[in-house]
Protein backbone atom coordinates (compact mmCIF):
# COMPACT_ATOMS: atom_id res chain seq x y z
CA UNK A 1 -82.90 -77.79 125.14
CA UNK A 2 -83.49 -80.92 127.23
CA UNK A 3 -84.10 -78.76 130.32
CA UNK A 4 -86.83 -76.78 128.51
CA UNK A 5 -88.42 -79.98 127.24
CA UNK A 6 -88.47 -81.46 130.76
CA UNK A 7 -90.04 -78.28 132.17
CA UNK A 8 -92.73 -78.41 129.52
CA UNK A 9 -93.40 -82.07 130.24
CA UNK A 10 -93.66 -81.37 133.98
CA UNK A 11 -96.04 -78.46 133.38
CA UNK A 12 -98.21 -80.56 131.08
CA UNK A 13 -98.22 -83.42 133.59
CA UNK A 14 -99.42 -81.05 136.33
CA UNK A 15 -102.12 -79.63 134.08
CA UNK A 16 -103.32 -83.08 133.11
CA UNK A 17 -103.37 -84.10 136.78
CA UNK A 18 -105.50 -81.07 137.65
CA UNK A 19 -107.89 -81.86 134.80
CA UNK A 20 -108.32 -85.45 135.97
CA UNK A 21 -108.90 -84.24 139.54
CA UNK A 22 -111.69 -81.98 138.28
CA UNK A 23 -113.19 -84.76 136.14
CA UNK A 24 -113.10 -87.15 139.11
CA UNK A 25 -115.50 -84.80 140.94
CA UNK A 26 -118.03 -85.61 138.21
CA UNK A 27 -117.44 -89.35 138.42
CA UNK A 28 -115.17 -89.51 135.37
CA UNK A 29 -112.11 -91.67 136.02
CA UNK A 30 -111.12 -93.08 132.62
CA UNK A 31 -110.76 -91.85 129.05
CA UNK A 32 -113.69 -94.06 128.02
CA UNK A 33 -115.90 -92.45 130.68
CA UNK A 34 -114.81 -89.01 129.46
CA UNK A 35 -115.58 -89.90 125.85
CA UNK A 36 -119.02 -91.21 126.82
CA UNK A 37 -119.78 -88.09 128.89
CA UNK A 38 -118.85 -85.81 125.98
CA UNK A 39 -120.98 -87.82 123.56
CA UNK A 40 -123.98 -87.57 125.92
CA UNK A 41 -123.67 -83.82 126.52
CA UNK A 42 -126.49 -81.53 125.50
CA UNK A 43 -125.63 -78.98 122.82
CA UNK A 44 -124.06 -75.85 124.27
CA UNK A 45 -125.52 -72.49 123.21
CA UNK A 46 -122.60 -70.08 122.89
CA UNK A 47 -124.49 -67.35 121.01
CA UNK A 48 -124.03 -64.90 123.89
CA UNK A 49 -120.27 -65.17 123.37
CA UNK A 50 -120.27 -64.81 119.58
CA UNK A 51 -123.22 -62.50 118.89
CA UNK A 52 -122.48 -58.98 117.63
CA UNK A 53 -122.18 -56.30 120.29
CA UNK A 54 -124.86 -53.61 120.24
CA UNK A 55 -122.98 -50.29 120.14
CA UNK A 56 -126.03 -48.04 119.80
CA UNK A 57 -126.20 -47.32 123.56
CA UNK A 58 -129.65 -48.89 123.51
CA UNK A 59 -130.82 -51.52 125.90
CA UNK A 60 -130.43 -55.02 124.45
CA UNK A 61 -133.63 -57.06 124.15
């Protein structure tokens, strides 16, 4: 059980490290900077990902 827990912790640590590396490219180095960046984001339009699919073999407008 301890071995599985350690593997999970190592995997999570690597993932977190990769996330911070990506955020650093945008000038985000701290949790406060990340929070501020998220608060200042423009709304994201995801309608293209959640809209119904047109199955009538007609061209979508």
